[in-house]
Each structure stands twice: as C-alpha cells, then as structure tokens.
Amino acid sequence: MPKSPIPDDQERVVIATGKLIGEGFDDARLDTLFLVHPISWSGTLQ
C-alpha cells in the first residue's frame, strides 16, 4: 500500500543519512537544515 503524501499545510521532519538521501536531494517545502555529526569530547562545557 503506497503512503499518501504529506499535505503542504502540515509540518514535516526528514531524518536521514547522507548516504540515504544523497547529493542533489531537493524538497522545496523544507526550509530548515540541521547538519549534525557525532564528535568525541573528553572535556566539559560550562
């Protein structure tokens, strides 16, 4: 059963790896992008 598209007036969140979405992904309805990457830190934040 195909999934129905999200209506234009509904909020949406896309969570994916670069490998999954790939270069050139475009969805004109998305207006914010968070680029995240895991890091290793031995210090503390104050």
N, C-alpha and C. Protein backbone atom coordinates (compact mmCIF):
# COMPACT_ATOMS: atom_id res chain seq x y z
N MET A 1 0.85 -1.17 0.00
CA MET A 1 0.00 0.00 0.00
C MET A 1 0.90 1.24 0.00
N PRO A 2 0.81 2.12 -1.02
CA PRO A 2 1.65 3.31 -1.06
C PRO A 2 1.25 4.31 0.02
N LYS A 3 2.25 5.02 0.54
CA LYS A 3 1.99 6.02 1.56
C LYS A 3 1.45 7.28 0.90
N SER A 4 0.49 7.92 1.54
CA SER A 4 -0.06 9.15 0.98
C SER A 4 0.92 10.30 1.26
N PRO A 5 1.02 11.26 0.35
CA PRO A 5 1.93 12.39 0.55
C PRO A 5 1.45 13.27 1.71
N ILE A 6 2.38 13.95 2.34
CA ILE A 6 2.04 14.87 3.42
C ILE A 6 1.48 16.14 2.79
N PRO A 7 0.31 16.59 3.24
CA PRO A 7 -0.26 17.82 2.67
C PRO A 7 0.68 19.02 2.89
N ASP A 8 0.62 19.99 2.00
CA ASP A 8 1.50 21.16 2.06
C ASP A 8 1.33 21.96 3.34
N ASP A 9 0.17 21.90 3.99
CA ASP A 9 -0.04 22.70 5.19
C ASP A 9 0.38 21.98 6.47
N GLN A 10 0.94 20.78 6.37
CA GLN A 10 1.39 20.01 7.53
C GLN A 10 2.91 20.15 7.69
N GLU A 11 3.36 20.20 8.95
CA GLU A 11 4.80 20.24 9.22
C GLU A 11 5.40 18.87 8.92
N ARG A 12 6.68 18.87 8.58
CA ARG A 12 7.35 17.60 8.28
C ARG A 12 8.78 17.63 8.79
N VAL A 13 9.29 16.48 9.11
CA VAL A 13 10.68 16.32 9.55
C VAL A 13 11.27 15.17 8.74
N VAL A 14 12.45 15.39 8.19
CA VAL A 14 13.15 14.35 7.45
C VAL A 14 14.44 14.05 8.22
N ILE A 15 14.61 12.80 8.60
CA ILE A 15 15.83 12.37 9.27
C ILE A 15 16.44 11.27 8.40
N ALA A 16 17.66 11.52 7.92
CA ALA A 16 18.29 10.55 7.03
C ALA A 16 19.79 10.76 7.03
N THR A 17 20.51 9.76 6.60
CA THR A 17 21.95 9.88 6.42
C THR A 17 22.22 10.44 5.03
N GLY A 18 23.41 11.00 4.85
CA GLY A 18 23.78 11.50 3.54
C GLY A 18 23.79 10.40 2.50
N LYS A 19 24.14 9.21 2.94
CA LYS A 19 24.17 8.07 2.02
C LYS A 19 22.76 7.71 1.56
N LEU A 20 21.78 7.85 2.46
CA LEU A 20 20.40 7.51 2.10
C LEU A 20 19.78 8.56 1.19
N ILE A 21 19.89 9.82 1.56
CA ILE A 21 19.28 10.90 0.75
C ILE A 21 20.15 11.20 -0.46
N GLY A 22 21.44 11.32 -0.24
CA GLY A 22 22.37 11.53 -1.34
C GLY A 22 22.48 12.96 -1.80
N GLU A 23 23.47 13.21 -2.62
CA GLU A 23 23.71 14.53 -3.17
C GLU A 23 22.59 14.89 -4.14
N GLY A 24 22.14 16.11 -4.07
CA GLY A 24 21.12 16.58 -5.00
C GLY A 24 19.70 16.41 -4.49
N PHE A 25 19.51 15.96 -3.25
CA PHE A 25 18.16 15.85 -2.70
C PHE A 25 17.53 17.23 -2.65
N ASP A 26 16.29 17.34 -3.07
CA ASP A 26 15.60 18.63 -3.06
C ASP A 26 14.13 18.41 -2.74
N ASP A 27 13.67 19.10 -1.71
CA ASP A 27 12.25 19.15 -1.38
C ASP A 27 11.96 20.62 -1.10
N ALA A 28 11.32 21.29 -2.02
CA ALA A 28 11.09 22.74 -1.93
C ALA A 28 10.32 23.13 -0.67
N ARG A 29 9.57 22.20 -0.08
CA ARG A 29 8.78 22.53 1.11
C ARG A 29 9.62 22.62 2.37
N LEU A 30 10.82 22.04 2.37
CA LEU A 30 11.69 22.11 3.54
C LEU A 30 12.42 23.45 3.55
N ASP A 31 12.40 24.12 4.71
CA ASP A 31 13.03 25.45 4.79
C ASP A 31 14.14 25.55 5.84
N THR A 32 14.46 24.46 6.53
CA THR A 32 15.49 24.47 7.55
C THR A 32 16.33 23.20 7.42
N LEU A 33 17.63 23.35 7.63
CA LEU A 33 18.53 22.20 7.54
C LEU A 33 19.46 22.20 8.74
N PHE A 34 19.53 21.09 9.44
CA PHE A 34 20.48 20.89 10.53
C PHE A 34 21.49 19.85 10.05
N LEU A 35 22.76 20.23 10.02
CA LEU A 35 23.82 19.28 9.70
C LEU A 35 24.44 18.86 11.02
N VAL A 36 24.40 17.58 11.32
CA VAL A 36 24.93 17.10 12.60
C VAL A 36 25.95 16.01 12.33
N HIS A 37 26.89 15.90 13.25
CA HIS A 37 27.93 14.91 13.12
C HIS A 37 28.36 14.48 14.52
N PRO A 38 28.52 13.21 14.76
CA PRO A 38 28.96 12.77 16.09
C PRO A 38 30.41 13.24 16.35
N ILE A 39 30.66 13.62 17.59
CA ILE A 39 32.01 14.04 17.96
C ILE A 39 32.41 13.31 19.25
N SER A 40 33.68 13.32 19.51
CA SER A 40 34.21 12.76 20.76
C SER A 40 34.82 13.91 21.54
N TRP A 41 34.46 14.05 22.81
CA TRP A 41 34.93 15.16 23.63
C TRP A 41 35.29 14.64 25.01
N SER A 42 36.48 14.95 25.48
CA SER A 42 36.88 14.50 26.81
C SER A 42 36.75 15.60 27.85
N GLY A 43 36.44 16.84 27.44
CA GLY A 43 36.32 17.97 28.37
C GLY A 43 34.88 18.13 28.87
N THR A 44 34.64 19.27 29.50
CA THR A 44 33.29 19.59 29.98
C THR A 44 32.90 20.97 29.48
N LEU A 45 31.61 21.19 29.34
CA LEU A 45 31.09 22.50 28.94
C LEU A 45 30.64 23.24 30.18
N GLN A 46 30.92 24.53 30.25
CA GLN A 46 30.50 25.34 31.40
C GLN A 46 29.76 26.56 30.94
